[in-house]
Amino acid sequence: MPRSVTHLRSTKIPRDAVHHPVFARFYARMSVTADLKGGIAAHREELLSGLSGRVIEIGAGNGLNFAHYPGAVSEVVAIEPERSLRQLAAGAGLRAEVPVDVVPGTAEALPVKSEAFDAAVASLVLCTVRDLPRALGEIKRVLRPGGELRFFEHTLASGRALATAQRAVDRTVWPLLFGGCHTARDTLAAIRAAGFELGTYRRLRIPERGVQLPSSPCVLGVARRPMAVD
C-alpha cells in the first residue's frame, strides 16, 4: 500500500532523537511477554476499542498496539524516535489489518500538520517524554477539535508510601534502567493542565496481583480536545 504523506510537515524529521539500544532489546522481549502473560493485550484492546478515522500513535515502541486497531481506522501514523524499536514497529505495521505508517520523530515536536487527526493514542509513553507539557501540547495541536486522546499510562500512586517510593526511584536508577521512564508523573493532572477535557477513565494495577512495583499504578481512559468556539 503506498505511503500517505499528506499529513507530514515539511520540516526535517530527526532520525535518532532517542537512542536506547540496550533498553530497546530488553523492551522488545519484555513487552511481548507482558502482553501474553500479564494481561496487557486486553488493556490495549480496551484502549483502542471504537476508534475510527485517522489516528496518530505517540511512541509506538515495537508496534504491539497495531494488531488491536479496529477496521474503522483508516490510517495510523505511528511516531517512534528509537531506531531499533522503529524497525520492529515497521515490521508489525506490515502485518496489521489497518494501514500503518511508521515515522521517526519525538512527542515534543510531532512531524505532522495541525488538526490532521481524529484521535491520538499514548500507550505507556508519556512517562518517558522529556517535556510532558510540551508533548501534550503537541498532541492537542495535531488533533481536530473534538478529537480524542486515548491514554494508557503509568501514573502517580494514590497511596503515600508507594508515591514516595516512585519519587525516590525516579530521582535515581529507574529512568536509567527503563529508557527514561518516570513513574511518579500525575498523568491525569497533566492532561487537564494541557487543556483537554477528561472523559471516562479508570485506575488499574499491573500486575494485578503480587508485589506492587513503582510502575504498577496505571490509568486508562479518554480525553478530548475541546470543540472550537466561534
C-alpha atoms as a PDB file:
ATOM      1  CA  MET A   1       0.000   0.000   0.000  1.00  0.00           C
ATOM      2  CA  PRO A   2       1.518   3.405  -0.926  1.00  0.00           C
ATOM      3  CA  ARG A   3       2.547   5.685   1.908  1.00  0.00           C
ATOM      4  CA  SER A   4       0.367   8.716   2.509  1.00  0.00           C
ATOM      5  CA  VAL A   5       2.470  11.809   3.151  1.00  0.00           C
ATOM      6  CA  THR A   6      -0.291  14.420   3.205  1.00  0.00           C
ATOM      7  CA  HIS A   7      -0.167  14.556   6.998  1.00  0.00           C
ATOM      8  CA  LEU A   8       3.556  15.303   7.233  1.00  0.00           C
ATOM      9  CA  ARG A   9       5.075  18.706   7.822  1.00  0.00           C
ATOM     10  CA  SER A  10       7.858  19.816   5.545  1.00  0.00           C
ATOM     11  CA  THR A  11      10.322  20.243   8.437  1.00  0.00           C
ATOM     12  CA  LYS A  12      13.214  17.826   8.640  1.00  0.00           C
ATOM     13  CA  ILE A  13      12.447  14.859  10.906  1.00  0.00           C
ATOM     14  CA  PRO A  14      15.188  13.904  13.413  1.00  0.00           C
ATOM     15  CA  ARG A  15      16.289  10.335  12.763  1.00  0.00           C
ATOM     16  CA  ASP A  16      17.786   9.452  16.139  1.00  0.00           C
ATOM     17  CA  ALA A  17      16.485  11.919  18.701  1.00  0.00           C
ATOM     18  CA  VAL A  18      16.296   8.994  21.158  1.00  0.00           C
ATOM     19  CA  HIS A  19      18.743   6.094  21.195  1.00  0.00           C
ATOM     20  CA  HIS A  20      18.458   3.337  23.817  1.00  0.00           C
ATOM     21  CA  PRO A  21      19.631   0.168  22.002  1.00  0.00           C
ATOM     22  CA  VAL A  22      20.083  -1.961  25.134  1.00  0.00           C
ATOM     23  CA  PHE A  23      16.721  -0.950  26.595  1.00  0.00           C
ATOM     24  CA  ALA A  24      15.090  -1.403  23.160  1.00  0.00           C
ATOM     25  CA  ARG A  25      16.190  -5.046  23.041  1.00  0.00           C
ATOM     26  CA  PHE A  26      15.005  -5.628  26.608  1.00  0.00           C
ATOM     27  CA  TYR A  27      11.687  -3.884  25.977  1.00  0.00           C
ATOM     28  CA  ALA A  28      11.039  -5.809  22.771  1.00  0.00           C
ATOM     29  CA  ARG A  29      11.250  -9.097  24.694  1.00  0.00           C
ATOM     30  CA  MET A  30       9.602  -7.948  27.917  1.00  0.00           C
ATOM     31  CA  SER A  31       6.622  -6.281  26.251  1.00  0.00           C
ATOM     32  CA  VAL A  32       5.677  -9.383  24.283  1.00  0.00           C
ATOM     33  CA  THR A  33       5.786 -11.488  27.458  1.00  0.00           C
ATOM     34  CA  ALA A  34       3.711  -8.876  29.316  1.00  0.00           C
ATOM     35  CA  ASP A  35       1.101  -8.916  26.561  1.00  0.00           C
ATOM     36  CA  LEU A  36       0.787 -12.688  26.618  1.00  0.00           C
ATOM     37  CA  LYS A  37       1.101 -13.403  30.348  1.00  0.00           C
ATOM     38  CA  GLY A  38       0.451 -10.101  32.093  1.00  0.00           C
ATOM     39  CA  GLY A  39      -2.858  -9.150  30.536  1.00  0.00           C
ATOM     40  CA  ILE A  40      -1.519  -6.084  28.731  1.00  0.00           C
ATOM     41  CA  ALA A  41      -3.063  -7.205  25.427  1.00  0.00           C
ATOM     42  CA  ALA A  42      -6.549  -6.902  26.923  1.00  0.00           C
ATOM     43  CA  HIS A  43      -5.780  -3.355  28.047  1.00  0.00           C
ATOM     44  CA  ARG A  44      -4.596  -2.489  24.537  1.00  0.00           C
ATOM     45  CA  GLU A  45      -7.859  -3.842  23.158  1.00  0.00           C
ATOM     46  CA  GLU A  46      -9.854  -1.706  25.588  1.00  0.00           C
ATOM     47  CA  LEU A  47      -7.728   1.357  24.849  1.00  0.00           C
ATOM     48  CA  LEU A  48      -8.331   1.216  21.093  1.00  0.00           C
ATOM     49  CA  SER A  49     -11.914  -0.040  21.009  1.00  0.00           C
ATOM     50  CA  GLY A  50     -14.270   2.094  18.927  1.00  0.00           C
ATOM     51  CA  LEU A  51     -11.622   4.225  17.243  1.00  0.00           C
ATOM     52  CA  SER A  52     -12.209   5.382  13.676  1.00  0.00           C
ATOM     53  CA  GLY A  53     -10.720   7.715  11.093  1.00  0.00           C
ATOM     54  CA  ARG A  54      -7.109   8.905  11.131  1.00  0.00           C
ATOM     55  CA  VAL A  55      -5.075   8.122  14.247  1.00  0.00           C
ATOM     56  CA  ILE A  56      -1.645   9.217  15.423  1.00  0.00           C
ATOM     57  CA  GLU A  57       0.142   6.957  17.902  1.00  0.00           C
ATOM     58  CA  ILE A  58       2.804   8.576  20.060  1.00  0.00           C
ATOM     59  CA  GLY A  59       5.791   6.377  20.876  1.00  0.00           C
ATOM     60  CA  ALA A  60       4.681   3.213  19.114  1.00  0.00           C
ATOM     61  CA  GLY A  61       7.551   1.116  20.508  1.00  0.00           C
ATOM     62  CA  ASN A  62       7.673  -2.231  18.732  1.00  0.00           C
ATOM     63  CA  GLY A  63       4.152  -1.890  17.392  1.00  0.00           C
ATOM     64  CA  LEU A  64       2.188  -4.133  19.734  1.00  0.00           C
ATOM     65  CA  ASN A  65      -0.870  -1.881  19.507  1.00  0.00           C
ATOM     66  CA  PHE A  66      -1.173  -2.283  15.746  1.00  0.00           C
ATOM     67  CA  ALA A  67      -2.938  -5.655  15.881  1.00  0.00           C
ATOM     68  CA  HIS A  68      -5.698  -4.178  18.054  1.00  0.00           C
ATOM     69  CA  TYR A  69      -6.834  -1.261  15.888  1.00  0.00           C
ATOM     70  CA  PRO A  70     -10.442  -1.721  14.703  1.00  0.00           C
ATOM     71  CA  GLY A  71     -11.210  -1.822  10.997  1.00  0.00           C
ATOM     72  CA  ALA A  72     -12.924   1.576  11.102  1.00  0.00           C
ATOM     73  CA  VAL A  73      -9.480   3.205  11.469  1.00  0.00           C
ATOM     74  CA  SER A  74      -8.486   4.470   8.019  1.00  0.00           C
ATOM     75  CA  GLU A  75      -4.817   5.171   8.821  1.00  0.00           C
ATOM     76  CA  VAL A  76      -2.375   5.037  11.731  1.00  0.00           C
ATOM     77  CA  VAL A  77       0.629   7.350  11.745  1.00  0.00           C
ATOM     78  CA  ALA A  78       2.965   5.844  14.353  1.00  0.00           C
ATOM     79  CA  ILE A  79       5.706   8.062  15.776  1.00  0.00           C
ATOM     80  CA  GLU A  80       8.731   6.267  17.244  1.00  0.00           C
ATOM     81  CA  PRO A  81      12.056   8.010  17.950  1.00  0.00           C
ATOM     82  CA  GLU A  82      14.172   4.964  18.859  1.00  0.00           C
ATOM     83  CA  ARG A  83      15.738   3.343  15.783  1.00  0.00           C
ATOM     84  CA  SER A  84      15.655  -0.307  16.878  1.00  0.00           C
ATOM     85  CA  LEU A  85      12.066  -0.135  18.090  1.00  0.00           C
ATOM     86  CA  ARG A  86      11.054   1.786  14.964  1.00  0.00           C
ATOM     87  CA  GLN A  87      12.374  -1.033  12.785  1.00  0.00           C
ATOM     88  CA  LEU A  88      10.354  -3.576  14.768  1.00  0.00           C
ATOM     89  CA  ALA A  89       7.283  -1.342  14.540  1.00  0.00           C
ATOM     90  CA  ALA A  90       7.649  -1.109  10.768  1.00  0.00           C
ATOM     91  CA  GLY A  91       7.531  -4.903  10.544  1.00  0.00           C
ATOM     92  CA  ALA A  92       4.469  -5.031  12.784  1.00  0.00           C
ATOM     93  CA  GLY A  93       2.831  -2.370  10.621  1.00  0.00           C
ATOM     94  CA  LEU A  94       3.174  -4.570   7.555  1.00  0.00           C
ATOM     95  CA  ARG A  95       1.248  -7.311   9.364  1.00  0.00           C
ATOM     96  CA  ALA A  96      -1.526  -5.026  10.634  1.00  0.00           C
ATOM     97  CA  GLU A  97      -5.044  -5.110   9.216  1.00  0.00           C
ATOM     98  CA  VAL A  98      -5.193  -1.307   9.000  1.00  0.00           C
ATOM     99  CA  PRO A  99      -2.751   0.955   7.096  1.00  0.00           C
ATOM    100  CA  VAL A 100       0.182   1.907   9.348  1.00  0.00           C
ATOM    101  CA  ASP A 101       2.866   4.454   8.525  1.00  0.00           C
ATOM    102  CA  VAL A 102       5.818   4.374  10.970  1.00  0.00           C
ATOM    103  CA  VAL A 103       7.597   7.733  11.167  1.00  0.00           C
ATOM    104  CA  PRO A 104      10.641   8.962  13.152  1.00  0.00           C
ATOM    105  CA  GLY A 105      10.030  11.885  15.457  1.00  0.00           C
ATOM    106  CA  THR A 106       9.554  12.945  19.069  1.00  0.00           C
ATOM    107  CA  ALA A 107       6.438  13.675  21.089  1.00  0.00           C
ATOM    108  CA  GLU A 108       7.635  17.220  21.798  1.00  0.00           C
ATOM    109  CA  ALA A 109       7.871  18.068  18.082  1.00  0.00           C
ATOM    110  CA  LEU A 110       5.442  15.879  16.150  1.00  0.00           C
ATOM    111  CA  PRO A 111       6.312  15.957  12.422  1.00  0.00           C
ATOM    112  CA  VAL A 112       2.692  16.257  11.292  1.00  0.00           C
ATOM    113  CA  LYS A 113       0.253  19.015  10.400  1.00  0.00           C
ATOM    114  CA  SER A 114      -2.101  20.651  12.869  1.00  0.00           C
ATOM    115  CA  GLU A 115      -5.658  19.334  13.306  1.00  0.00           C
ATOM    116  CA  ALA A 116      -4.883  16.400  10.999  1.00  0.00           C
ATOM    117  CA  PHE A 117      -6.145  13.513  13.156  1.00  0.00           C
ATOM    118  CA  ASP A 118      -9.385  12.235  14.638  1.00  0.00           C
ATOM    119  CA  ALA A 119      -7.653  10.544  17.560  1.00  0.00           C
ATOM    120  CA  ALA A 120      -4.292  10.211  19.276  1.00  0.00           C
ATOM    121  CA  VAL A 121      -3.022   7.223  21.235  1.00  0.00           C
ATOM    122  CA  ALA A 122      -0.491   7.396  24.079  1.00  0.00           C
ATOM    123  CA  SER A 123       0.333   3.981  25.464  1.00  0.00           C
ATOM    124  CA  LEU A 124       2.984   3.650  28.190  1.00  0.00           C
ATOM    125  CA  VAL A 125       4.960   6.513  26.663  1.00  0.00           C
ATOM    126  CA  LEU A 126       4.133   9.763  28.494  1.00  0.00           C
ATOM    127  CA  CYS A 127       6.313   8.552  31.360  1.00  0.00           C
ATOM    128  CA  THR A 128       9.357   8.700  29.060  1.00  0.00           C
ATOM    129  CA  VAL A 129       8.994  12.044  27.278  1.00  0.00           C
ATOM    130  CA  ARG A 130      11.460  14.721  28.330  1.00  0.00           C
ATOM    131  CA  ASP A 131       8.913  17.566  28.426  1.00  0.00           C
ATOM    132  CA  LEU A 132       5.433  16.303  29.284  1.00  0.00           C
ATOM    133  CA  PRO A 133       3.531  19.627  28.983  1.00  0.00           C
ATOM    134  CA  ARG A 134       5.097  20.287  25.586  1.00  0.00           C
ATOM    135  CA  ALA A 135       4.308  16.747  24.373  1.00  0.00           C
ATOM    136  CA  LEU A 136       0.674  17.062  25.434  1.00  0.00           C
ATOM    137  CA  GLY A 137       0.516  20.460  23.757  1.00  0.00           C
ATOM    138  CA  GLU A 138       1.730  18.870  20.539  1.00  0.00           C
ATOM    139  CA  ILE A 139      -0.872  16.110  20.798  1.00  0.00           C
ATOM    140  CA  LYS A 140      -3.565  18.721  21.255  1.00  0.00           C
ATOM    141  CA  ARG A 141      -2.238  20.659  18.250  1.00  0.00           C
ATOM    142  CA  VAL A 142      -2.470  17.719  15.836  1.00  0.00           C
ATOM    143  CA  LEU A 143      -5.978  16.661  16.925  1.00  0.00           C
ATOM    144  CA  ARG A 144      -9.016  18.150  15.266  1.00  0.00           C
ATOM    145  CA  PRO A 145     -11.388  19.996  17.633  1.00  0.00           C
ATOM    146  CA  GLY A 146     -13.366  17.299  19.424  1.00  0.00           C
ATOM    147  CA  GLY A 147     -10.701  14.692  18.667  1.00  0.00           C
ATOM    148  CA  GLU A 148      -9.894  12.052  21.286  1.00  0.00           C
ATOM    149  CA  LEU A 149      -6.757  11.290  23.220  1.00  0.00           C
ATOM    150  CA  ARG A 150      -6.757   7.649  24.282  1.00  0.00           C
ATOM    151  CA  PHE A 151      -4.237   7.040  27.085  1.00  0.00           C
ATOM    152  CA  PHE A 152      -2.925   4.005  28.955  1.00  0.00           C
ATOM    153  CA  GLU A 153      -0.123   5.252  31.189  1.00  0.00           C
ATOM    154  CA  HIS A 154       1.834   4.871  34.393  1.00  0.00           C
ATOM    155  CA  THR A 155       0.730   7.378  36.997  1.00  0.00           C
ATOM    156  CA  LEU A 156       1.425   8.613  40.497  1.00  0.00           C
ATOM    157  CA  ALA A 157       0.177   6.179  43.141  1.00  0.00           C
ATOM    158  CA  SER A 158      -2.715   7.221  45.366  1.00  0.00           C
ATOM    159  CA  GLY A 159      -1.054   5.737  48.452  1.00  0.00           C
ATOM    160  CA  ARG A 160       1.602   7.829  50.191  1.00  0.00           C
ATOM    161  CA  ALA A 161       4.146   5.033  50.685  1.00  0.00           C
ATOM    162  CA  LEU A 162       4.237   3.919  47.047  1.00  0.00           C
ATOM    163  CA  ALA A 163       4.152   7.517  45.770  1.00  0.00           C
ATOM    164  CA  THR A 164       7.210   8.267  47.935  1.00  0.00           C
ATOM    165  CA  ALA A 165       8.960   5.208  46.520  1.00  0.00           C
ATOM    166  CA  GLN A 166       8.098   6.290  42.983  1.00  0.00           C
ATOM    167  CA  ARG A 167       9.604   9.730  43.503  1.00  0.00           C
ATOM    168  CA  ALA A 168      12.734   8.185  45.022  1.00  0.00           C
ATOM    169  CA  VAL A 169      13.390   5.767  42.161  1.00  0.00           C
ATOM    170  CA  ASP A 170      12.598   8.454  39.579  1.00  0.00           C
ATOM    171  CA  ARG A 171      15.420  10.564  41.024  1.00  0.00           C
ATOM    172  CA  THR A 172      17.900   7.683  40.889  1.00  0.00           C
ATOM    173  CA  VAL A 173      18.021   4.446  38.933  1.00  0.00           C
ATOM    174  CA  TRP A 174      14.611   3.947  37.317  1.00  0.00           C
ATOM    175  CA  PRO A 175      14.934   6.302  34.314  1.00  0.00           C
ATOM    176  CA  LEU A 176      18.450   4.972  33.636  1.00  0.00           C
ATOM    177  CA  LEU A 177      17.308   1.357  33.644  1.00  0.00           C
ATOM    178  CA  PHE A 178      13.999   1.781  31.814  1.00  0.00           C
ATOM    179  CA  GLY A 179      14.554   4.099  28.885  1.00  0.00           C
ATOM    180  CA  GLY A 180      13.783   7.376  30.658  1.00  0.00           C
ATOM    181  CA  CYS A 181      10.599   6.170  32.388  1.00  0.00           C
ATOM    182  CA  HIS A 182       9.334   8.333  35.269  1.00  0.00           C
ATOM    183  CA  THR A 183       6.718   6.512  37.320  1.00  0.00           C
ATOM    184  CA  ALA A 184       5.618   9.401  39.569  1.00  0.00           C
ATOM    185  CA  ARG A 185       4.080  11.677  36.947  1.00  0.00           C
ATOM    186  CA  ASP A 186       0.497  12.713  37.693  1.00  0.00           C
ATOM    187  CA  THR A 187      -0.832  11.825  34.253  1.00  0.00           C
ATOM    188  CA  LEU A 188      -4.428  12.962  34.747  1.00  0.00           C
ATOM    189  CA  ALA A 189      -3.387  16.333  36.160  1.00  0.00           C
ATOM    190  CA  ALA A 190      -1.011  16.872  33.250  1.00  0.00           C
ATOM    191  CA  ILE A 191      -3.703  16.055  30.690  1.00  0.00           C
ATOM    192  CA  ARG A 192      -6.103  18.512  32.342  1.00  0.00           C
ATOM    193  CA  ALA A 193      -3.415  21.199  32.525  1.00  0.00           C
ATOM    194  CA  ALA A 194      -2.787  20.809  28.785  1.00  0.00           C
ATOM    195  CA  GLY A 195      -6.379  21.892  28.096  1.00  0.00           C
ATOM    196  CA  PHE A 196      -8.013  18.534  27.440  1.00  0.00           C
ATOM    197  CA  GLU A 197     -11.463  17.618  28.717  1.00  0.00           C
ATOM    198  CA  LEU A 198     -11.254  14.357  30.653  1.00  0.00           C
ATOM    199  CA  GLY A 199     -13.781  11.694  29.759  1.00  0.00           C
ATOM    200  CA  THR A 200     -14.135   8.281  31.329  1.00  0.00           C
ATOM    201  CA  TYR A 201     -11.071   6.659  32.858  1.00  0.00           C
ATOM    202  CA  ARG A 202     -10.159   4.003  35.357  1.00  0.00           C
ATOM    203  CA  ARG A 203      -7.157   3.275  37.535  1.00  0.00           C
ATOM    204  CA  LEU A 204      -5.589  -0.159  37.412  1.00  0.00           C
ATOM    205  CA  ARG A 205      -2.645  -2.072  38.769  1.00  0.00           C
ATOM    206  CA  ILE A 206      -0.123  -4.012  36.689  1.00  0.00           C
ATOM    207  CA  PRO A 207       0.394  -6.761  37.600  1.00  0.00           C
ATOM    208  CA  GLU A 208      -2.961  -7.150  39.295  1.00  0.00           C
ATOM    209  CA  ARG A 209      -1.543  -9.486  41.935  1.00  0.00           C
ATOM    210  CA  GLY A 210       1.776  -9.959  43.651  1.00  0.00           C
ATOM    211  CA  VAL A 211       4.420  -7.402  44.510  1.00  0.00           C
ATOM    212  CA  GLN A 212       3.478  -3.847  43.604  1.00  0.00           C
ATOM    213  CA  LEU A 213       6.250  -2.070  41.682  1.00  0.00           C
ATOM    214  CA  PRO A 214       6.771   1.675  41.169  1.00  0.00           C
ATOM    215  CA  SER A 215       5.414   1.139  37.646  1.00  0.00           C
ATOM    216  CA  SER A 216       2.303  -0.754  38.810  1.00  0.00           C
ATOM    217  CA  PRO A 217      -0.183   2.162  39.185  1.00  0.00           C
ATOM    218  CA  CYS A 218      -1.669   2.942  35.776  1.00  0.00           C
ATOM    219  CA  VAL A 219      -4.611   4.834  34.340  1.00  0.00           C
ATOM    220  CA  LEU A 220      -6.567   4.039  31.176  1.00  0.00           C
ATOM    221  CA  GLY A 221      -9.094   6.395  29.642  1.00  0.00           C
ATOM    222  CA  VAL A 222     -10.050   9.058  27.142  1.00  0.00           C
ATOM    223  CA  ALA A 223      -9.780  12.841  26.942  1.00  0.00           C
ATOM    224  CA  ARG A 224     -10.882  15.246  24.221  1.00  0.00           C
ATOM    225  CA  ARG A 225      -9.610  18.395  22.623  1.00  0.00           C
ATOM    226  CA  PRO A 226     -12.390  20.930  23.261  1.00  0.00           C
ATOM    227  CA  MET A 227     -14.521  21.979  20.317  1.00  0.00           C
ATOM    228  CA  ALA A 228     -13.574  25.298  18.763  1.00  0.00           C
ATOM    229  CA  VAL A 229     -15.652  28.255  19.989  1.00  0.00           C
ATOM    230  CA  ASP A 230     -16.938  30.638  17.316  1.00  0.00           C
END
